[in-house]
PDB file of N, CA and C in Angstrom:
ATOM      1  N   GLN A   1       8.391 -30.052   7.407  1.00  0.00           N
ATOM      2  CA  GLN A   1       7.759 -29.299   8.325  1.00  0.00           C
ATOM      3  C   GLN A   1       8.894 -29.476   9.480  1.00  0.00           C
ATOM      4  N   GLU A   2       9.580 -30.340  10.059  1.00  0.00           N
ATOM      5  CA  GLU A   2      10.815 -30.351  10.507  1.00  0.00           C
ATOM      6  C   GLU A   2      11.888 -29.823  10.011  1.00  0.00           C
ATOM      7  N   TYR A   3      12.315 -29.117   9.021  1.00  0.00           N
ATOM      8  CA  TYR A   3      12.727 -28.249   8.846  1.00  0.00           C
ATOM      9  C   TYR A   3      12.551 -26.815   9.141  1.00  0.00           C
ATOM     10  N   SER A   4      11.163 -26.327   9.125  1.00  0.00           N
ATOM     11  CA  SER A   4      10.524 -25.979   9.425  1.00  0.00           C
ATOM     12  C   SER A   4      10.760 -24.958  11.137  1.00  0.00           C
ATOM     13  N   GLY A   5      10.804 -25.715  11.558  1.00  0.00           N
ATOM     14  CA  GLY A   5      10.677 -26.512  13.098  1.00  0.00           C
ATOM     15  C   GLY A   5      12.433 -25.836  13.920  1.00  0.00           C
ATOM     16  N   SER A   6      12.806 -26.363  12.924  1.00  0.00           N
ATOM     17  CA  SER A   6      14.382 -26.866  13.690  1.00  0.00           C
ATOM     18  C   SER A   6      15.015 -25.030  12.806  1.00  0.00           C
ATOM     19  N   GLY A   7      14.203 -24.922  12.280  1.00  0.00           N
ATOM     20  CA  GLY A   7      14.646 -22.689  11.690  1.00  0.00           C
ATOM     21  C   GLY A   7      14.260 -22.166  12.889  1.00  0.00           C
ATOM     22  N   ASP A   8      12.755 -22.311  13.469  1.00  0.00           N
ATOM     23  CA  ASP A   8      12.301 -21.819  14.637  1.00  0.00           C
ATOM     24  C   ASP A   8      13.206 -21.743  15.659  1.00  0.00           C
ATOM     25  N   ARG A   9      13.690 -23.208  15.762  1.00  0.00           N
ATOM     26  CA  ARG A   9      14.223 -23.051  17.361  1.00  0.00           C
ATOM     27  C   ARG A   9      15.950 -22.552  17.167  1.00  0.00           C
ATOM     28  N   THR A  10      16.557 -22.232  15.808  1.00  0.00           N
ATOM     29  CA  THR A  10      17.313 -21.420  16.035  1.00  0.00           C
ATOM     30  C   THR A  10      17.159 -19.882  15.592  1.00  0.00           C
ATOM     31  N   GLN A  11      15.850 -19.765  14.946  1.00  0.00           N
ATOM     32  CA  GLN A  11      15.751 -18.504  15.286  1.00  0.00           C
ATOM     33  C   GLN A  11      16.048 -18.189  16.576  1.00  0.00           C
ATOM     34  N   GLN A  12      14.686 -18.819  17.594  1.00  0.00           N
ATOM     35  CA  GLN A  12      14.485 -18.543  18.879  1.00  0.00           C
ATOM     36  C   GLN A  12      15.752 -18.146  19.614  1.00  0.00           C
ATOM     37  N   ARG A  13      17.247 -19.504  19.149  1.00  0.00           N
ATOM     38  CA  ARG A  13      18.205 -19.533  20.371  1.00  0.00           C
ATOM     39  C   ARG A  13      19.343 -18.042  19.543  1.00  0.00           C
ATOM     40  N   ARG A  14      19.059 -18.213  18.804  1.00  0.00           N
ATOM     41  CA  ARG A  14      19.691 -16.494  18.051  1.00  0.00           C
ATOM     42  C   ARG A  14      19.025 -15.091  18.876  1.00  0.00           C
ATOM     43  N   GLY A  15      17.496 -15.156  18.917  1.00  0.00           N
ATOM     44  CA  GLY A  15      16.994 -14.011  19.658  1.00  0.00           C
ATOM     45  C   GLY A  15      16.984 -14.303  21.237  1.00  0.00           C
ATOM     46  N   ARG A  16      17.205 -14.968  21.809  1.00  0.00           N
ATOM     47  CA  ARG A  16      18.149 -15.449  23.151  1.00  0.00           C
ATOM     48  C   ARG A  16      19.515 -14.714  23.399  1.00  0.00           C
ATOM     49  N   SER A  17      20.249 -15.331  22.406  1.00  0.00           N
ATOM     50  CA  SER A  17      21.473 -14.897  22.622  1.00  0.00           C
ATOM     51  C   SER A  17      21.768 -13.436  22.235  1.00  0.00           C
ATOM     52  N   PHE A  18      20.656 -13.119  21.280  1.00  0.00           N
ATOM     53  CA  PHE A  18      20.937 -11.338  21.326  1.00  0.00           C
ATOM     54  C   PHE A  18      20.939 -10.393  22.229  1.00  0.00           C
ATOM     55  N   ILE A  19      19.424 -11.256  23.307  1.00  0.00           N
ATOM     56  CA  ILE A  19      18.948 -10.642  24.204  1.00  0.00           C
ATOM     57  C   ILE A  19      20.455 -10.575  25.699  1.00  0.00           C
ATOM     58  N   VAL A  20      20.610 -11.537  25.569  1.00  0.00           N
ATOM     59  CA  VAL A  20      21.730 -11.739  26.695  1.00  0.00           C
ATOM     60  C   VAL A  20      23.328 -11.376  26.356  1.00  0.00           C
ATOM     61  N   PHE A  21      23.187 -10.772  25.160  1.00  0.00           N
ATOM     62  CA  PHE A  21      24.046 -10.244  24.896  1.00  0.00           C
ATOM     63  C   PHE A  21      23.884  -8.377  24.940  1.00  0.00           C
ATOM     64  N   LYS A  22      22.616  -8.017  24.920  1.00  0.00           N
ATOM     65  CA  LYS A  22      22.596  -6.682  25.270  1.00  0.00           C
ATOM     66  C   LYS A  22      22.493  -6.606  26.920  1.00  0.00           C
ATOM     67  N   LEU A  23      21.955  -7.711  27.166  1.00  0.00           N
ATOM     68  CA  LEU A  23      22.049  -7.600  28.756  1.00  0.00           C
ATOM     69  C   LEU A  23      23.434  -7.234  29.285  1.00  0.00           C
ATOM     70  N   SER A  24      23.999  -8.031  29.161  1.00  0.00           N
ATOM     71  CA  SER A  24      25.868  -8.181  29.392  1.00  0.00           C
ATOM     72  C   SER A  24      26.615  -6.658  28.844  1.00  0.00           C
ATOM     73  N   VAL A  25      26.034  -6.192  27.879  1.00  0.00           N
ATOM     74  CA  VAL A  25      26.737  -4.826  27.379  1.00  0.00           C
ATOM     75  C   VAL A  25      26.148  -3.570  28.495  1.00  0.00           C
ATOM     76  N   LEU A  26      24.927  -4.391  28.926  1.00  0.00           N
ATOM     77  CA  LEU A  26      24.256  -3.192  29.517  1.00  0.00           C
ATOM     78  C   LEU A  26      24.646  -3.501  31.496  1.00  0.00           C
ATOM     79  N   VAL A  27      24.927  -4.095  31.830  1.00  0.00           N
ATOM     80  CA  VAL A  27      25.783  -4.481  32.826  1.00  0.00           C
ATOM     81  C   VAL A  27      26.825  -4.043  32.592  1.00  0.00           C
ATOM     82  N   SER A  28      27.812  -4.070  31.553  1.00  0.00           N
ATOM     83  CA  SER A  28      29.114  -3.575  31.906  1.00  0.00           C
ATOM     84  C   SER A  28      29.359  -2.667  31.524  1.00  0.00           C
ATOM     85  N   SER A  29      28.557  -1.670  31.216  1.00  0.00           N
ATOM     86  CA  SER A  29      28.628  -0.290  31.119  1.00  0.00           C
ATOM     87  C   SER A  29      27.825   0.131  32.221  1.00  0.00           C
ATOM     88  N   THR A  30      27.124  -0.393  32.647  1.00  0.00           N
ATOM     89  CA  THR A  30      26.859   0.062  34.631  1.00  0.00           C
ATOM     90  C   THR A  30      27.866  -0.111  34.721  1.00  0.00           C
ATOM     91  N   PHE A  31      28.419  -1.076  35.010  1.00  0.00           N
ATOM     92  CA  PHE A  31      29.790  -0.881  36.100  1.00  0.00           C
ATOM     93  C   PHE A  31      30.613  -0.037  35.764  1.00  0.00           C
ATOM     94  N   LEU A  32      31.154  -0.051  34.343  1.00  0.00           N
ATOM     95  CA  LEU A  32      32.163   1.033  33.995  1.00  0.00           C
ATOM     96  C   LEU A  32      31.888   2.333  34.392  1.00  0.00           C
ATOM     97  N   PHE A  33      30.891   2.454  34.222  1.00  0.00           N
ATOM     98  CA  PHE A  33      29.919   4.237  34.540  1.00  0.00           C
ATOM     99  C   PHE A  33      30.361   4.052  35.942  1.00  0.00           C
ATOM    100  N   PHE A  34      30.323   3.329  37.154  1.00  0.00           N
ATOM    101  CA  PHE A  34      30.047   3.566  38.736  1.00  0.00           C
ATOM    102  C   PHE A  34      31.348   3.702  39.055  1.00  0.00           C
ATOM    103  N   VAL A  35      32.193   2.747  38.395  1.00  0.00           N
ATOM    104  CA  VAL A  35      33.816   2.848  38.622  1.00  0.00           C
ATOM    105  C   VAL A  35      34.509   3.904  37.944  1.00  0.00           C
ATOM    106  N   THR A  36      33.764   4.158  36.793  1.00  0.00           N
ATOM    107  CA  THR A  36      34.288   5.291  36.333  1.00  0.00           C
ATOM    108  C   THR A  36      34.312   6.640  37.664  1.00  0.00           C
ATOM    109  N   THR A  37      33.156   6.745  37.919  1.00  0.00           N
ATOM    110  CA  THR A  37      32.189   8.355  38.578  1.00  0.00           C
ATOM    111  C   THR A  37      33.256   8.022  39.684  1.00  0.00           C
ATOM    112  N   THR A  38      33.531   6.754  40.812  1.00  0.00           N
ATOM    113  CA  THR A  38      33.891   7.040  41.934  1.00  0.00           C
ATOM    114  C   THR A  38      35.044   7.045  41.780  1.00  0.00           C
ATOM    115  N   LEU A  39      36.611   6.464  40.764  1.00  0.00           N
ATOM    116  CA  LEU A  39      37.309   6.982  40.856  1.00  0.00           C
ATOM    117  C   LEU A  39      37.458   8.658  40.563  1.00  0.00           C
ATOM    118  N   VAL A  40      36.423   9.179  40.055  1.00  0.00           N
ATOM    119  CA  VAL A  40      36.138  10.694  39.375  1.00  0.00           C
ATOM    120  C   VAL A  40      36.459  11.355  41.104  1.00  0.00           C
ATOM    121  N   ALA A  41      35.231  10.931  41.676  1.00  0.00           N
ATOM    122  CA  ALA A  41      34.837  11.635  42.983  1.00  0.00           C
ATOM    123  C   ALA A  41      35.970  11.297  43.767  1.00  0.00           C
ATOM    124  N   PHE A  42      36.663  10.285  44.141  1.00  0.00           N
ATOM    125  CA  PHE A  42      38.047  10.156  44.526  1.00  0.00           C
ATOM    126  C   PHE A  42      38.993  11.154  44.374  1.00  0.00           C
ATOM    127  N   THR A  43      39.300  10.863  43.446  1.00  0.00           N
ATOM    128  CA  THR A  43      40.340  11.836  42.859  1.00  0.00           C
ATOM    129  C   THR A  43      40.204  13.537  43.199  1.00  0.00           C
ATOM    130  N   LEU A  44      39.093  14.107  42.820  1.00  0.00           N
ATOM    131  CA  LEU A  44      38.577  15.619  42.704  1.00  0.00           C
ATOM    132  C   LEU A  44      38.275  15.675  44.320  1.00  0.00           C
ATOM    133  N   LYS A  45      38.138  14.779  45.086  1.00  0.00           N
ATOM    134  CA  LYS A  45      38.194  15.127  47.006  1.00  0.00           C
ATOM    135  C   LYS A  45      39.284  15.267  47.205  1.00  0.00           C
ATOM    136  N   GLU A  46      40.410  13.973  47.072  1.00  0.00           N
ATOM    137  CA  GLU A  46      41.688  14.307  47.635  1.00  0.00           C
ATOM    138  C   GLU A  46      42.354  15.200  46.910  1.00  0.00           C
ATOM    139  N   THR A  47      42.234  15.899  45.622  1.00  0.00           N
ATOM    140  CA  THR A  47      42.309  17.205  45.513  1.00  0.00           C
ATOM    141  C   THR A  47      42.075  18.278  46.258  1.00  0.00           C
ATOM    142  N   GLN A  48      41.261  18.360  46.386  1.00  0.00           N
ATOM    143  CA  GLN A  48      40.231  19.565  47.391  1.00  0.00           C
ATOM    144  C   GLN A  48      40.857  19.500  48.890  1.00  0.00           C
ATOM    145  N   ASP A  49      41.140  17.879  49.218  1.00  0.00           N
ATOM    146  CA  ASP A  49      41.420  18.136  50.566  1.00  0.00           C
ATOM    147  C   ASP A  49      42.983  18.445  50.252  1.00  0.00           C
ATOM    148  N   ARG A  50      43.801  18.476  49.631  1.00  0.00           N
ATOM    149  CA  ARG A  50      45.201  18.696  49.602  1.00  0.00           C
ATOM    150  C   ARG A  50      45.307  20.109  49.487  1.00  0.00           C
ATOM    151  N   MET A  51      44.397  20.572  47.882  1.00  0.00           N
ATOM    152  CA  MET A  51      44.312  22.198  48.089  1.00  0.00           C
ATOM    153  C   MET A  51      44.357  23.187  49.353  1.00  0.00           C
ATOM    154  N   LEU A  52      42.930  22.729  49.925  1.00  0.00           N
ATOM    155  CA  LEU A  52      42.731  23.193  51.393  1.00  0.00           C
ATOM    156  C   LEU A  52      43.882  23.246  52.331  1.00  0.00           C
ATOM    157  N   ASN A  53      44.800  22.004  52.500  1.00  0.00           N
ATOM    158  CA  ASN A  53      45.698  21.841  53.756  1.00  0.00           C
ATOM    159  C   ASN A  53      46.607  22.682  52.898  1.00  0.00           C
ATOM    160  N   PHE A  54      47.185  23.027  51.878  1.00  0.00           N
ATOM    161  CA  PHE A  54      47.827  23.776  51.407  1.00  0.00           C
ATOM    162  C   PHE A  54      48.279  25.764  52.019  1.00  0.00           C
ATOM    163  N   THR A  55      46.453  25.771  51.236  1.00  0.00           N
ATOM    164  CA  THR A  55      45.779  26.769  51.563  1.00  0.00           C
ATOM    165  C   THR A  55      46.121  27.676  53.233  1.00  0.00           C
ATOM    166  N   PHE A  56      45.715  26.765  53.746  1.00  0.00           N
ATOM    167  CA  PHE A  56      45.594  26.782  55.048  1.00  0.00           C
ATOM    168  C   PHE A  56      47.258  27.081  55.871  1.00  0.00           C
ATOM    169  N   HIS A  57      48.403  26.258  55.372  1.00  0.00           N
ATOM    170  CA  HIS A  57      49.389  25.983  55.864  1.00  0.00           C
ATOM    171  C   HIS A  57      49.979  27.225  55.062  1.00  0.00           C
ATOM    172  N   LEU A  58      49.346  28.268  54.135  1.00  0.00           N
ATOM    173  CA  LEU A  58      50.093  29.356  53.208  1.00  0.00           C
ATOM    174  C   LEU A  58      49.724  30.414  53.697  1.00  0.00           C
ATOM    175  N   GLN A  59      48.428  30.325  54.245  1.00  0.00           N
ATOM    176  CA  GLN A  59      47.944  31.447  55.392  1.00  0.00           C
ATOM    177  C   GLN A  59      48.744  31.411  56.548  1.00  0.00           C
ATOM    178  N   GLN A  60      48.869  30.786  56.916  1.00  0.00           N
ATOM    179  CA  GLN A  60      49.860  30.707  58.178  1.00  0.00           C
ATOM    180  C   GLN A  60      51.084  31.030  58.321  1.00  0.00           C
ATOM    181  N   SER A  61      51.547  30.834  56.789  1.00  0.00           N
ATOM    182  CA  SER A  61      53.082  31.306  56.679  1.00  0.00           C
ATOM    183  C   SER A  61      53.528  32.780  56.578  1.00  0.00           C
ATOM    184  N   VAL A  62      52.213  33.232  55.927  1.00  0.00           N
ATOM    185  CA  VAL A  62      52.095  34.923  54.757  1.00  0.00           C
ATOM    186  C   VAL A  62      52.207  35.591  56.370  1.00  0.00           C
ATOM    187  N   ARG A  63      50.688  35.054  57.496  1.00  0.00           N
ATOM    188  CA  ARG A  63      50.448  35.744  58.103  1.00  0.00           C
ATOM    189  C   ARG A  63      51.762  35.905  59.111  1.00  0.00           C
ATOM    190  N   GLN A  64      52.438  34.861  59.280  1.00  0.00           N
ATOM    191  CA  GLN A  64      53.758  35.128  60.497  1.00  0.00           C
ATOM    192  C   GLN A  64      54.676  35.527  60.106  1.00  0.00           C
ATOM    193  N   GLY A  65      55.053  35.991  58.096  1.00  0.00           N
ATOM    194  CA  GLY A  65      55.953  36.020  57.889  1.00  0.00           C
ATOM    195  C   GLY A  65      57.024  35.190  57.401  1.00  0.00           C
ATOM    196  N   SER A  66      57.092  33.983  57.393  1.00  0.00           N
ATOM    197  CA  SER A  66      57.663  33.314  57.487  1.00  0.00           C
ATOM    198  C   SER A  66      58.143  32.811  55.788  1.00  0.00           C
ATOM    199  N   PRO A  67      58.997  32.518  55.434  1.00  0.00           N
ATOM    200  CA  PRO A  67      58.994  32.148  53.877  1.00  0.00           C
ATOM    201  C   PRO A  67      58.139  30.920  52.983  1.00  0.00           C
ATOM    202  N   ILE A  68      57.697  31.303  52.136  1.00  0.00           N
ATOM    203  CA  ILE A  68      57.228  29.666  51.831  1.00  0.00           C
ATOM    204  C   ILE A  68      57.943  29.262  50.775  1.00  0.00           C
ATOM    205  N   GLY A  69      58.753  29.367  50.086  1.00  0.00           N
ATOM    206  CA  GLY A  69      59.381  28.492  49.619  1.00  0.00           C
ATOM    207  C   GLY A  69      59.642  27.092  49.851  1.00  0.00           C
ATOM    208  N   HIS A  70      59.986  26.487  50.629  1.00  0.00           N
ATOM    209  CA  HIS A  70      59.769  24.896  51.417  1.00  0.00           C
ATOM    210  C   HIS A  70      58.366  24.352  51.512  1.00  0.00           C
ATOM    211  N   LEU A  71      57.369  25.435  51.646  1.00  0.00           N
ATOM    212  CA  LEU A  71      56.251  24.741  51.798  1.00  0.00           C
ATOM    213  C   LEU A  71      55.560  24.686  50.398  1.00  0.00           C
ATOM    214  N   VAL A  72      55.813  25.557  49.244  1.00  0.00           N
ATOM    215  CA  VAL A  72      55.101  25.592  48.252  1.00  0.00           C
ATOM    216  C   VAL A  72      56.305  23.910  47.586  1.00  0.00           C
ATOM    217  N   ALA A  73      57.587  24.163  47.624  1.00  0.00           N
ATOM    218  CA  ALA A  73      58.473  22.866  46.939  1.00  0.00           C
ATOM    219  C   ALA A  73      58.000  21.783  47.271  1.00  0.00           C
ATOM    220  N   THR A  74      57.751  21.448  48.908  1.00  0.00           N
ATOM    221  CA  THR A  74      56.905  20.411  49.352  1.00  0.00           C
ATOM    222  C   THR A  74      55.612  20.128  49.121  1.00  0.00           C
ATOM    223  N   HIS A  75      54.889  21.006  48.354  1.00  0.00           N
ATOM    224  CA  HIS A  75      53.130  20.436  48.164  1.00  0.00           C
ATOM    225  C   HIS A  75      53.107  20.062  46.643  1.00  0.00           C
ATOM    226  N   VAL A  76      54.637  20.819  45.556  1.00  0.00           N
ATOM    227  CA  VAL A  76      54.872  19.893  44.368  1.00  0.00           C
ATOM    228  C   VAL A  76      55.480  19.266  44.593  1.00  0.00           C
ATOM    229  N   ILE A  77      56.105  18.532  45.068  1.00  0.00           N
ATOM    230  CA  ILE A  77      57.167  17.412  45.397  1.00  0.00           C
ATOM    231  C   ILE A  77      55.830  16.498  46.126  1.00  0.00           C
ATOM    232  N   GLU A  78      55.088  16.664  46.712  1.00  0.00           N
ATOM    233  CA  GLU A  78      54.243  15.510  47.180  1.00  0.00           C
ATOM    234  C   GLU A  78      52.887  15.218  46.338  1.00  0.00           C
ATOM    235  N   ASN A  79      53.007  16.413  45.180  1.00  0.00           N
ATOM    236  CA  ASN A  79      51.991  16.643  44.539  1.00  0.00           C
ATOM    237  C   ASN A  79      52.296  15.942  43.206  1.00  0.00           C
TER     238      ASN A  79
END
């Protein structure tokens, strides 16, 4: 009987260990999901802001009849 009781305790430990493992995988996956989505959102927002800024300056240059080569070169170098 002692052997059976010892086996039950081992089985319980394995069960708890498995649950802890599954929870750690879930927490890690959730963390990575939020970090990744935050970085993607930040990158897209920065890209959108830069493109809107470039479009605004390009529109001003075209309206004024200014050359746009410098503007395009600056945009390419900065981005």
